[in-house]
Amino acid sequence: MAFWGAANIRVAGSGLSDDKFLPFLAQLVGDLDKRSSSTSGRSGRSVSSSMQRERILDVADLAALPRGRAILTSSGMPAGLIELQHYSTKPYGEDVQDSQRYYEGQLKI
């Protein structure tokens, strides 16, 4: 958690199940102010409205993030839901694979 707090850009992907981290992440994503209104009286002339705070993503939502989605947080910015793309789908995919083969060949275990 120390590295998480020190980072300026943080990404949390699918497959999370930590019972301490998920509530923290849900709180970090935050709440939404939702306006609700109701009418009363026979003629419907009395209207009242109120604001309610609602969690944007709860723990169950975060635990059920589909593969390829993640929550991105950055200093001074609201959290966002992003779609991840594998490097192999990009024009530089072969370069990454070549680099991986080269550097893995340099490892001496």
PDB file of N, CA and C in Angstrom:
ATOM      1  N   MET A   1       0.825  -1.183   0.000  1.00  0.00           N
ATOM      2  CA  MET A   1       0.000   0.000   0.000  1.00  0.00           C
ATOM      3  C   MET A   1       0.877   1.258   0.000  1.00  0.00           C
ATOM      4  N   ALA A   2       2.139   1.143   0.475  1.00  0.00           N
ATOM      5  CA  ALA A   2       3.025   2.309   0.502  1.00  0.00           C
ATOM      6  C   ALA A   2       3.351   2.773  -0.906  1.00  0.00           C
ATOM      7  N   PHE A   3       3.613   1.836  -1.820  1.00  0.00           N
ATOM      8  CA  PHE A   3       3.906   2.202  -3.202  1.00  0.00           C
ATOM      9  C   PHE A   3       2.682   2.851  -3.848  1.00  0.00           C
ATOM     10  N   TRP A   4       1.518   2.326  -3.546  1.00  0.00           N
ATOM     11  CA  TRP A   4       0.271   2.859  -4.114  1.00  0.00           C
ATOM     12  C   TRP A   4       0.120   4.328  -3.725  1.00  0.00           C
ATOM     13  N   GLY A   5       0.323   4.631  -2.467  1.00  0.00           N
ATOM     14  CA  GLY A   5       0.151   5.995  -1.981  1.00  0.00           C
ATOM     15  C   GLY A   5       1.200   6.957  -2.519  1.00  0.00           C
ATOM     16  N   ALA A   6       2.373   6.459  -2.869  1.00  0.00           N
ATOM     17  CA  ALA A   6       3.449   7.320  -3.350  1.00  0.00           C
ATOM     18  C   ALA A   6       3.362   7.593  -4.849  1.00  0.00           C
ATOM     19  N   ALA A   7       2.570   6.821  -5.562  1.00  0.00           N
ATOM     20  CA  ALA A   7       2.506   6.954  -7.023  1.00  0.00           C
ATOM     21  C   ALA A   7       1.605   8.121  -7.439  1.00  0.00           C
ATOM     22  N   ASN A   8       1.938   8.756  -8.548  1.00  0.00           N
ATOM     23  CA  ASN A   8       1.095   9.820  -9.103  1.00  0.00           C
ATOM     24  C   ASN A   8       0.016   9.261 -10.010  1.00  0.00           C
ATOM     25  N   ILE A   9       0.302   8.149 -10.658  1.00  0.00           N
ATOM     26  CA  ILE A   9      -0.671   7.483 -11.517  1.00  0.00           C
ATOM     27  C   ILE A   9      -0.807   6.055 -11.021  1.00  0.00           C
ATOM     28  N   ARG A  10      -2.057   5.629 -10.775  1.00  0.00           N
ATOM     29  CA  ARG A  10      -2.305   4.303 -10.210  1.00  0.00           C
ATOM     30  C   ARG A  10      -3.352   3.583 -11.056  1.00  0.00           C
ATOM     31  N   VAL A  11      -3.102   2.308 -11.344  1.00  0.00           N
ATOM     32  CA  VAL A  11      -4.026   1.501 -12.136  1.00  0.00           C
ATOM     33  C   VAL A  11      -4.352   0.240 -11.343  1.00  0.00           C
ATOM     34  N   ALA A  12      -5.638  -0.040 -11.188  1.00  0.00           N
ATOM     35  CA  ALA A  12      -6.101  -1.250 -10.507  1.00  0.00           C
ATOM     36  C   ALA A  12      -6.989  -2.012 -11.480  1.00  0.00           C
ATOM     37  N   GLY A  13      -6.568  -3.200 -11.861  1.00  0.00           N
ATOM     38  CA  GLY A  13      -7.280  -3.967 -12.880  1.00  0.00           C
ATOM     39  C   GLY A  13      -8.221  -4.998 -12.327  1.00  0.00           C
ATOM     40  N   SER A  14      -8.723  -5.822 -13.214  1.00  0.00           N
ATOM     41  CA  SER A  14      -9.687  -6.851 -12.835  1.00  0.00           C
ATOM     42  C   SER A  14      -9.005  -7.956 -12.033  1.00  0.00           C
ATOM     43  N   GLY A  15      -9.802  -8.738 -11.355  1.00  0.00           N
ATOM     44  CA  GLY A  15      -9.282  -9.859 -10.582  1.00  0.00           C
ATOM     45  C   GLY A  15      -8.927  -9.519  -9.147  1.00  0.00           C
ATOM     46  N   LEU A  16      -9.204  -8.315  -8.709  1.00  0.00           N
ATOM     47  CA  LEU A  16      -8.887  -7.932  -7.330  1.00  0.00           C
ATOM     48  C   LEU A  16      -9.888  -8.562  -6.366  1.00  0.00           C
ATOM     49  N   SER A  17      -9.379  -8.987  -5.202  1.00  0.00           N
ATOM     50  CA  SER A  17     -10.282  -9.558  -4.204  1.00  0.00           C
ATOM     51  C   SER A  17      -9.856  -9.234  -2.775  1.00  0.00           C
ATOM     52  N   ASP A  18      -8.887  -8.382  -2.612  1.00  0.00           N
ATOM     53  CA  ASP A  18      -8.383  -8.048  -1.278  1.00  0.00           C
ATOM     54  C   ASP A  18      -9.448  -7.307  -0.479  1.00  0.00           C
ATOM     55  N   ASP A  19      -9.813  -7.859   0.674  1.00  0.00           N
ATOM     56  CA  ASP A  19     -10.914  -7.291   1.458  1.00  0.00           C
ATOM     57  C   ASP A  19     -10.570  -5.962   2.124  1.00  0.00           C
ATOM     58  N   LYS A  20      -9.306  -5.572   2.134  1.00  0.00           N
ATOM     59  CA  LYS A  20      -8.938  -4.264   2.670  1.00  0.00           C
ATOM     60  C   LYS A  20      -8.747  -3.243   1.548  1.00  0.00           C
ATOM     61  N   PHE A  21      -8.234  -3.693   0.407  1.00  0.00           N
ATOM     62  CA  PHE A  21      -7.945  -2.780  -0.684  1.00  0.00           C
ATOM     63  C   PHE A  21      -9.214  -2.362  -1.435  1.00  0.00           C
ATOM     64  N   LEU A  22     -10.139  -3.279  -1.664  1.00  0.00           N
ATOM     65  CA  LEU A  22     -11.344  -2.953  -2.433  1.00  0.00           C
ATOM     66  C   LEU A  22     -12.188  -1.851  -1.786  1.00  0.00           C
ATOM     67  N   PRO A  23     -12.445  -1.884  -0.466  1.00  0.00           N
ATOM     68  CA  PRO A  23     -13.180  -0.758   0.134  1.00  0.00           C
ATOM     69  C   PRO A  23     -12.411   0.564   0.012  1.00  0.00           C
ATOM     70  N   PHE A  24     -11.093   0.488   0.140  1.00  0.00           N
ATOM     71  CA  PHE A  24     -10.259   1.682  -0.026  1.00  0.00           C
ATOM     72  C   PHE A  24     -10.407   2.235  -1.440  1.00  0.00           C
ATOM     73  N   LEU A  25     -10.364   1.347  -2.445  1.00  0.00           N
ATOM     74  CA  LEU A  25     -10.485   1.768  -3.838  1.00  0.00           C
ATOM     75  C   LEU A  25     -11.879   2.339  -4.119  1.00  0.00           C
ATOM     76  N   ALA A  26     -12.912   1.714  -3.559  1.00  0.00           N
ATOM     77  CA  ALA A  26     -14.280   2.225  -3.734  1.00  0.00           C
ATOM     78  C   ALA A  26     -14.398   3.634  -3.160  1.00  0.00           C
ATOM     79  N   GLN A  27     -13.770   3.862  -2.026  1.00  0.00           N
ATOM     80  CA  GLN A  27     -13.793   5.197  -1.417  1.00  0.00           C
ATOM     81  C   GLN A  27     -12.997   6.185  -2.269  1.00  0.00           C
ATOM     82  N   LEU A  28     -11.902   5.726  -2.849  1.00  0.00           N
ATOM     83  CA  LEU A  28     -11.074   6.575  -3.697  1.00  0.00           C
ATOM     84  C   LEU A  28     -11.820   6.989  -4.968  1.00  0.00           C
ATOM     85  N   VAL A  29     -12.578   6.068  -5.553  1.00  0.00           N
ATOM     86  CA  VAL A  29     -13.390   6.390  -6.734  1.00  0.00           C
ATOM     87  C   VAL A  29     -14.418   7.451  -6.359  1.00  0.00           C
ATOM     88  N   GLY A  30     -15.010   7.307  -5.188  1.00  0.00           N
ATOM     89  CA  GLY A  30     -15.857   8.370  -4.663  1.00  0.00           C
ATOM     90  C   GLY A  30     -17.353   8.167  -4.818  1.00  0.00           C
ATOM     91  N   ASP A  31     -18.059   9.241  -4.565  1.00  0.00           N
ATOM     92  CA  ASP A  31     -19.514   9.255  -4.567  1.00  0.00           C
ATOM     93  C   ASP A  31     -20.033  10.205  -5.634  1.00  0.00           C
ATOM     94  N   LEU A  32     -21.297  10.032  -5.938  1.00  0.00           N
ATOM     95  CA  LEU A  32     -21.984  10.853  -6.920  1.00  0.00           C
ATOM     96  C   LEU A  32     -23.162  11.518  -6.223  1.00  0.00           C
ATOM     97  N   ASP A  33     -23.356  12.800  -6.446  1.00  0.00           N
ATOM     98  CA  ASP A  33     -24.536  13.488  -5.931  1.00  0.00           C
ATOM     99  C   ASP A  33     -25.666  13.265  -6.920  1.00  0.00           C
ATOM    100  N   LYS A  34     -26.718  12.631  -6.458  1.00  0.00           N
ATOM    101  CA  LYS A  34     -27.835  12.297  -7.326  1.00  0.00           C
ATOM    102  C   LYS A  34     -29.074  13.050  -6.850  1.00  0.00           C
ATOM    103  N   ARG A  35     -29.689  13.777  -7.775  1.00  0.00           N
ATOM    104  CA  ARG A  35     -30.893  14.543  -7.441  1.00  0.00           C
ATOM    105  C   ARG A  35     -32.121  13.661  -7.662  1.00  0.00           C
ATOM    106  N   SER A  36     -33.006  13.685  -6.717  1.00  0.00           N
ATOM    107  CA  SER A  36     -34.277  12.989  -6.890  1.00  0.00           C
ATOM    108  C   SER A  36     -35.403  13.978  -6.598  1.00  0.00           C
ATOM    109  N   SER A  37     -36.485  13.825  -7.315  1.00  0.00           N
ATOM    110  CA  SER A  37     -37.619  14.719  -7.099  1.00  0.00           C
ATOM    111  C   SER A  37     -38.904  13.908  -7.023  1.00  0.00           C
ATOM    112  N   SER A  38     -39.848  14.468  -6.337  1.00  0.00           N
ATOM    113  CA  SER A  38     -41.148  13.807  -6.224  1.00  0.00           C
ATOM    114  C   SER A  38     -42.244  14.868  -6.252  1.00  0.00           C
ATOM    115  N   THR A  39     -43.374  14.448  -6.738  1.00  0.00           N
ATOM    116  CA  THR A  39     -44.533  15.350  -6.766  1.00  0.00           C
ATOM    117  C   THR A  39     -45.581  14.815  -5.805  1.00  0.00           C
ATOM    118  N   SER A  40     -46.322  15.707  -5.243  1.00  0.00           N
ATOM    119  CA  SER A  40     -47.368  15.284  -4.326  1.00  0.00           C
ATOM    120  C   SER A  40     -48.603  16.140  -4.549  1.00  0.00           C
ATOM    121  N   GLY A  41     -49.682  15.694  -3.999  1.00  0.00           N
ATOM    122  CA  GLY A  41     -50.942  16.401  -4.156  1.00  0.00           C
ATOM    123  C   GLY A  41     -51.684  15.907  -5.381  1.00  0.00           C
ATOM    124  N   ARG A  42     -52.973  16.108  -5.369  1.00  0.00           N
ATOM    125  CA  ARG A  42     -53.811  15.645  -6.487  1.00  0.00           C
ATOM    126  C   ARG A  42     -53.429  16.276  -7.805  1.00  0.00           C
ATOM    127  N   SER A  43     -53.146  17.524  -7.784  1.00  0.00           N
ATOM    128  CA  SER A  43     -52.854  18.211  -9.041  1.00  0.00           C
ATOM    129  C   SER A  43     -51.372  18.093  -9.411  1.00  0.00           C
ATOM    130  N   GLY A  44     -50.567  17.521  -8.522  1.00  0.00           N
ATOM    131  CA  GLY A  44     -49.152  17.370  -8.793  1.00  0.00           C
ATOM    132  C   GLY A  44     -48.396  18.675  -8.787  1.00  0.00           C
ATOM    133  N   ARG A  45     -48.937  19.649  -8.075  1.00  0.00           N
ATOM    134  CA  ARG A  45     -48.321  20.977  -8.087  1.00  0.00           C
ATOM    135  C   ARG A  45     -47.234  21.157  -7.050  1.00  0.00           C
ATOM    136  N   SER A  46     -47.160  20.258  -6.100  1.00  0.00           N
ATOM    137  CA  SER A  46     -46.123  20.359  -5.080  1.00  0.00           C
ATOM    138  C   SER A  46     -44.965  19.434  -5.479  1.00  0.00           C
ATOM    139  N   VAL A  47     -43.831  20.025  -5.730  1.00  0.00           N
ATOM    140  CA  VAL A  47     -42.654  19.260  -6.146  1.00  0.00           C
ATOM    141  C   VAL A  47     -41.558  19.477  -5.120  1.00  0.00           C
ATOM    142  N   SER A  48     -40.963  18.405  -4.693  1.00  0.00           N
ATOM    143  CA  SER A  48     -39.813  18.527  -3.792  1.00  0.00           C
ATOM    144  C   SER A  48     -38.648  17.765  -4.399  1.00  0.00           C
ATOM    145  N   SER A  49     -37.471  18.262  -4.136  1.00  0.00           N
ATOM    146  CA  SER A  49     -36.284  17.582  -4.643  1.00  0.00           C
ATOM    147  C   SER A  49     -35.251  17.503  -3.535  1.00  0.00           C
ATOM    148  N   SER A  50     -34.408  16.506  -3.646  1.00  0.00           N
ATOM    149  CA  SER A  50     -33.349  16.328  -2.659  1.00  0.00           C
ATOM    150  C   SER A  50     -32.118  15.738  -3.343  1.00  0.00           C
ATOM    151  N   MET A  51     -31.001  15.937  -2.713  1.00  0.00           N
ATOM    152  CA  MET A  51     -29.739  15.385  -3.205  1.00  0.00           C
ATOM    153  C   MET A  51     -29.365  14.203  -2.317  1.00  0.00           C
ATOM    154  N   GLN A  52     -28.925  13.138  -2.949  1.00  0.00           N
ATOM    155  CA  GLN A  52     -28.451  11.976  -2.212  1.00  0.00           C
ATOM    156  C   GLN A  52     -27.082  11.590  -2.743  1.00  0.00           C
ATOM    157  N   ARG A  53     -26.218  11.212  -1.849  1.00  0.00           N
ATOM    158  CA  ARG A  53     -24.890  10.739  -2.244  1.00  0.00           C
ATOM    159  C   ARG A  53     -24.975   9.241  -2.467  1.00  0.00           C
ATOM    160  N   GLU A  54     -24.376   8.813  -3.566  1.00  0.00           N
ATOM    161  CA  GLU A  54     -24.420   7.407  -3.948  1.00  0.00           C
ATOM    162  C   GLU A  54     -23.015   6.981  -4.359  1.00  0.00           C
ATOM    163  N   ARG A  55     -22.580   5.827  -3.871  1.00  0.00           N
ATOM    164  CA  ARG A  55     -21.259   5.313  -4.228  1.00  0.00           C
ATOM    165  C   ARG A  55     -21.225   5.028  -5.726  1.00  0.00           C
ATOM    166  N   ILE A  56     -20.192   5.493  -6.432  1.00  0.00           N
ATOM    167  CA  ILE A  56     -20.090   5.280  -7.878  1.00  0.00           C
ATOM    168  C   ILE A  56     -19.867   3.804  -8.179  1.00  0.00           C
ATOM    169  N   LEU A  57     -18.874   3.204  -7.536  1.00  0.00           N
ATOM    170  CA  LEU A  57     -18.605   1.766  -7.668  1.00  0.00           C
ATOM    171  C   LEU A  57     -18.447   1.192  -6.274  1.00  0.00           C
ATOM    172  N   ASP A  58     -19.236   0.189  -5.935  1.00  0.00           N
ATOM    173  CA  ASP A  58     -19.059  -0.435  -4.627  1.00  0.00           C
ATOM    174  C   ASP A  58     -18.055  -1.584  -4.747  1.00  0.00           C
ATOM    175  N   VAL A  59     -17.780  -2.229  -3.633  1.00  0.00           N
ATOM    176  CA  VAL A  59     -16.791  -3.301  -3.579  1.00  0.00           C
ATOM    177  C   VAL A  59     -17.141  -4.418  -4.572  1.00  0.00           C
ATOM    178  N   ALA A  60     -18.399  -4.781  -4.656  1.00  0.00           N
ATOM    179  CA  ALA A  60     -18.814  -5.844  -5.580  1.00  0.00           C
ATOM    180  C   ALA A  60     -18.574  -5.445  -7.033  1.00  0.00           C
ATOM    181  N   ASP A  61     -18.823  -4.181  -7.365  1.00  0.00           N
ATOM    182  CA  ASP A  61     -18.559  -3.702  -8.729  1.00  0.00           C
ATOM    183  C   ASP A  61     -17.079  -3.809  -9.063  1.00  0.00           C
ATOM    184  N   LEU A  62     -16.237  -3.404  -8.127  1.00  0.00           N
ATOM    185  CA  LEU A  62     -14.790  -3.441  -8.360  1.00  0.00           C
ATOM    186  C   LEU A  62     -14.287  -4.877  -8.465  1.00  0.00           C
ATOM    187  N   ALA A  63     -14.806  -5.762  -7.634  1.00  0.00           N
ATOM    188  CA  ALA A  63     -14.387  -7.173  -7.676  1.00  0.00           C
ATOM    189  C   ALA A  63     -14.833  -7.838  -8.977  1.00  0.00           C
ATOM    190  N   ALA A  64     -15.891  -7.312  -9.591  1.00  0.00           N
ATOM    191  CA  ALA A  64     -16.429  -7.915 -10.811  1.00  0.00           C
ATOM    192  C   ALA A  64     -15.985  -7.190 -12.083  1.00  0.00           C
ATOM    193  N   LEU A  65     -14.969  -6.333 -11.984  1.00  0.00           N
ATOM    194  CA  LEU A  65     -14.486  -5.656 -13.189  1.00  0.00           C
ATOM    195  C   LEU A  65     -14.132  -6.702 -14.246  1.00  0.00           C
ATOM    196  N   PRO A  66     -14.615  -6.533 -15.455  1.00  0.00           N
ATOM    197  CA  PRO A  66     -14.289  -7.514 -16.486  1.00  0.00           C
ATOM    198  C   PRO A  66     -12.829  -7.415 -16.918  1.00  0.00           C
ATOM    199  N   ARG A  67     -12.332  -8.489 -17.443  1.00  0.00           N
ATOM    200  CA  ARG A  67     -10.976  -8.527 -17.973  1.00  0.00           C
ATOM    201  C   ARG A  67     -10.826  -7.440 -19.039  1.00  0.00           C
ATOM    202  N   GLY A  68      -9.713  -6.726 -18.998  1.00  0.00           N
ATOM    203  CA  GLY A  68      -9.485  -5.665 -19.969  1.00  0.00           C
ATOM    204  C   GLY A  68      -9.952  -4.296 -19.518  1.00  0.00           C
ATOM    205  N   ARG A  69     -10.498  -4.207 -18.313  1.00  0.00           N
ATOM    206  CA  ARG A  69     -10.919  -2.917 -17.741  1.00  0.00           C
ATOM    207  C   ARG A  69     -10.114  -2.656 -16.479  1.00  0.00           C
ATOM    208  N   ALA A  70      -9.944  -1.389 -16.139  1.00  0.00           N
ATOM    209  CA  ALA A  70      -9.199  -1.025 -14.940  1.00  0.00           C
ATOM    210  C   ALA A  70      -9.667   0.335 -14.453  1.00  0.00           C
ATOM    211  N   ILE A  71      -9.373   0.622 -13.206  1.00  0.00           N
ATOM    212  CA  ILE A  71      -9.623   1.920 -12.612  1.00  0.00           C
ATOM    213  C   ILE A  71      -8.295   2.675 -12.622  1.00  0.00           C
ATOM    214  N   LEU A  72      -8.305   3.879 -13.158  1.00  0.00           N
ATOM    215  CA  LEU A  72      -7.115   4.725 -13.223  1.00  0.00           C
ATOM    216  C   LEU A  72      -7.333   5.908 -12.298  1.00  0.00           C
ATOM    217  N   THR A  73      -6.390   6.145 -11.404  1.00  0.00           N
ATOM    218  CA  THR A  73      -6.434   7.335 -10.566  1.00  0.00           C
ATOM    219  C   THR A  73      -5.134   8.102 -10.764  1.00  0.00           C
ATOM    220  N   SER A  74      -5.237   9.406 -10.681  1.00  0.00           N
ATOM    221  CA  SER A  74      -4.076  10.264 -10.874  1.00  0.00           C
ATOM    222  C   SER A  74      -4.200  11.446  -9.925  1.00  0.00           C
ATOM    223  N   SER A  75      -3.085  11.957  -9.493  1.00  0.00           N
ATOM    224  CA  SER A  75      -3.090  13.086  -8.566  1.00  0.00           C
ATOM    225  C   SER A  75      -3.870  14.257  -9.151  1.00  0.00           C
ATOM    226  N   GLY A  76      -4.825  14.758  -8.385  1.00  0.00           N
ATOM    227  CA  GLY A  76      -5.582  15.930  -8.784  1.00  0.00           C
ATOM    228  C   GLY A  76      -6.676  15.694  -9.809  1.00  0.00           C
ATOM    229  N   MET A  77      -6.939  14.430 -10.148  1.00  0.00           N
ATOM    230  CA  MET A  77      -7.952  14.103 -11.150  1.00  0.00           C
ATOM    231  C   MET A  77      -8.932  13.087 -10.568  1.00  0.00           C
ATOM    232  N   PRO A  78     -10.183  13.113 -11.015  1.00  0.00           N
ATOM    233  CA  PRO A  78     -11.112  12.072 -10.559  1.00  0.00           C
ATOM    234  C   PRO A  78     -10.745  10.727 -11.179  1.00  0.00           C
ATOM    235  N   ALA A  79     -11.141   9.666 -10.534  1.00  0.00           N
ATOM    236  CA  ALA A  79     -10.865   8.316 -11.031  1.00  0.00           C
ATOM    237  C   ALA A  79     -11.646   8.071 -12.320  1.00  0.00           C
ATOM    238  N   GLY A  80     -11.120   7.170 -13.130  1.00  0.00           N
ATOM    239  CA  GLY A  80     -11.799   6.843 -14.380  1.00  0.00           C
ATOM    240  C   GLY A  80     -11.731   5.356 -14.671  1.00  0.00           C
ATOM    241  N   LEU A  81     -12.701   4.871 -15.409  1.00  0.00           N
ATOM    242  CA  LEU A  81     -12.720   3.487 -15.866  1.00  0.00           C
ATOM    243  C   LEU A  81     -12.077   3.467 -17.244  1.00  0.00           C
ATOM    244  N   ILE A  82     -11.050   2.638 -17.431  1.00  0.00           N
ATOM    245  CA  ILE A  82     -10.348   2.606 -18.710  1.00  0.00           C
ATOM    246  C   ILE A  82     -10.397   1.208 -19.314  1.00  0.00           C
ATOM    247  N   GLU A  83     -10.196   1.168 -20.626  1.00  0.00           N
ATOM    248  CA  GLU A  83     -10.100  -0.103 -21.338  1.00  0.00           C
ATOM    249  C   GLU A  83      -8.627  -0.338 -21.658  1.00  0.00           C
ATOM    250  N   LEU A  84      -8.135  -1.493 -21.251  1.00  0.00           N
ATOM    251  CA  LEU A  84      -6.736  -1.836 -21.497  1.00  0.00           C
ATOM    252  C   LEU A  84      -6.600  -2.490 -22.865  1.00  0.00           C
ATOM    253  N   GLN A  85      -5.477  -2.250 -23.508  1.00  0.00           N
ATOM    254  CA  GLN A  85      -5.208  -2.878 -24.792  1.00  0.00           C
ATOM    255  C   GLN A  85      -3.857  -3.580 -24.714  1.00  0.00           C
ATOM    256  N   HIS A  86      -3.824  -4.817 -25.140  1.00  0.00           N
ATOM    257  CA  HIS A  86      -2.590  -5.593 -25.117  1.00  0.00           C
ATOM    258  C   HIS A  86      -1.626  -5.039 -26.160  1.00  0.00           C
ATOM    259  N   TYR A  87      -0.345  -5.028 -25.817  1.00  0.00           N
ATOM    260  CA  TYR A  87       0.642  -4.468 -26.735  1.00  0.00           C
ATOM    261  C   TYR A  87       0.641  -5.163 -28.092  1.00  0.00           C
ATOM    262  N   SER A  88       0.250  -6.420 -28.126  1.00  0.00           N
ATOM    263  CA  SER A  88       0.293  -7.174 -29.381  1.00  0.00           C
ATOM    264  C   SER A  88      -0.717  -6.650 -30.406  1.00  0.00           C
ATOM    265  N   THR A  89      -1.675  -5.854 -29.957  1.00  0.00           N
ATOM    266  CA  THR A  89      -2.660  -5.292 -30.889  1.00  0.00           C
ATOM    267  C   THR A  89      -2.179  -3.969 -31.484  1.00  0.00           C
ATOM    268  N   LYS A  90      -1.028  -3.513 -31.065  1.00  0.00           N
ATOM    269  CA  LYS A  90      -0.490  -2.227 -31.503  1.00  0.00           C
ATOM    270  C   LYS A  90       0.549  -2.422 -32.609  1.00  0.00           C
ATOM    271  N   PRO A  91       0.816  -1.373 -33.382  1.00  0.00           N
ATOM    272  CA  PRO A  91       1.803  -1.477 -34.462  1.00  0.00           C
ATOM    273  C   PRO A  91       3.207  -1.843 -33.972  1.00  0.00           C
ATOM    274  N   TYR A  92       3.522  -1.512 -32.725  1.00  0.00           N
ATOM    275  CA  TYR A  92       4.849  -1.802 -32.178  1.00  0.00           C
ATOM    276  C   TYR A  92       4.908  -3.159 -31.471  1.00  0.00           C
ATOM    277  N   GLY A  93       3.873  -3.977 -31.611  1.00  0.00           N
ATOM    278  CA  GLY A  93       3.805  -5.270 -30.924  1.00  0.00           C
ATOM    279  C   GLY A  93       4.985  -6.183 -31.207  1.00  0.00           C
ATOM    280  N   GLU A  94       5.391  -6.270 -32.471  1.00  0.00           N
ATOM    281  CA  GLU A  94       6.530  -7.137 -32.816  1.00  0.00           C
ATOM    282  C   GLU A  94       7.825  -6.623 -32.209  1.00  0.00           C
ATOM    283  N   ASP A  95       7.983  -5.294 -32.145  1.00  0.00           N
ATOM    284  CA  ASP A  95       9.186  -4.721 -31.526  1.00  0.00           C
ATOM    285  C   ASP A  95       9.268  -5.101 -30.048  1.00  0.00           C
ATOM    286  N   VAL A  96       8.137  -5.076 -29.375  1.00  0.00           N
ATOM    287  CA  VAL A  96       8.103  -5.458 -27.957  1.00  0.00           C
ATOM    288  C   VAL A  96       8.502  -6.923 -27.807  1.00  0.00           C
ATOM    289  N   GLN A  97       7.968  -7.776 -28.651  1.00  0.00           N
ATOM    290  CA  GLN A  97       8.297  -9.204 -28.574  1.00  0.00           C
ATOM    291  C   GLN A  97       9.771  -9.443 -28.880  1.00  0.00           C
ATOM    292  N   ASP A  98      10.312  -8.751 -29.871  1.00  0.00           N
ATOM    293  CA  ASP A  98      11.742  -8.876 -30.181  1.00  0.00           C
ATOM    294  C   ASP A  98      12.593  -8.445 -29.001  1.00  0.00           C
ATOM    295  N   SER A  99      12.224  -7.318 -28.393  1.00  0.00           N
ATOM    296  CA  SER A  99      12.954  -6.823 -27.231  1.00  0.00           C
ATOM    297  C   SER A  99      12.872  -7.819 -26.075  1.00  0.00           C
ATOM    298  N   GLN A 100      11.694  -8.368 -25.863  1.00  0.00           N
ATOM    299  CA  GLN A 100      11.506  -9.342 -24.786  1.00  0.00           C
ATOM    300  C   GLN A 100      12.400 -10.565 -25.011  1.00  0.00           C
ATOM    301  N   ARG A 101      12.416 -11.094 -26.233  1.00  0.00           N
ATOM    302  CA  ARG A 101      13.262 -12.257 -26.532  1.00  0.00           C
ATOM    303  C   ARG A 101      14.742 -11.924 -26.327  1.00  0.00           C
ATOM    304  N   TYR A 102      15.163 -10.739 -26.767  1.00  0.00           N
ATOM    305  CA  TYR A 102      16.556 -10.338 -26.635  1.00  0.00           C
ATOM    306  C   TYR A 102      16.964 -10.261 -25.168  1.00  0.00           C
ATOM    307  N   TYR A 103      16.183  -9.529 -24.373  1.00  0.00           N
ATOM    308  CA  TYR A 103      16.572  -9.310 -22.981  1.00  0.00           C
ATOM    309  C   TYR A 103      16.376 -10.539 -22.120  1.00  0.00           C
ATOM    310  N   GLU A 104      15.411 -11.362 -22.445  1.00  0.00           N
ATOM    311  CA  GLU A 104      15.273 -12.616 -21.698  1.00  0.00           C
ATOM    312  C   GLU A 104      16.461 -13.530 -22.001  1.00  0.00           C
ATOM    313  N   GLY A 105      17.014 -13.436 -23.205  1.00  0.00           N
ATOM    314  CA  GLY A 105      18.208 -14.199 -23.553  1.00  0.00           C
ATOM    315  C   GLY A 105      19.447 -13.722 -22.831  1.00  0.00           C
ATOM    316  N   GLN A 106      19.438 -12.474 -22.363  1.00  0.00           N
ATOM    317  CA  GLN A 106      20.586 -11.903 -21.632  1.00  0.00           C
ATOM    318  C   GLN A 106      20.576 -12.282 -20.156  1.00  0.00           C
ATOM    319  N   LEU A 107      19.447 -12.767 -19.662  1.00  0.00           N
ATOM    320  CA  LEU A 107      19.339 -13.106 -18.243  1.00  0.00           C
ATOM    321  C   LEU A 107      20.186 -14.336 -17.929  1.00  0.00           C
ATOM    322  N   LYS A 108      20.907 -14.253 -16.829  1.00  0.00           N
ATOM    323  CA  LYS A 108      21.695 -15.404 -16.373  1.00  0.00           C
ATOM    324  C   LYS A 108      21.156 -15.798 -15.001  1.00  0.00           C
ATOM    325  N   ILE A 109      20.510 -16.926 -14.999  1.00  0.00           N
ATOM    326  CA  ILE A 109      19.868 -17.365 -13.746  1.00  0.00           C
ATOM    327  C   ILE A 109      20.690 -18.421 -13.079  1.00  0.00           C
TER     328      ILE A 109
END
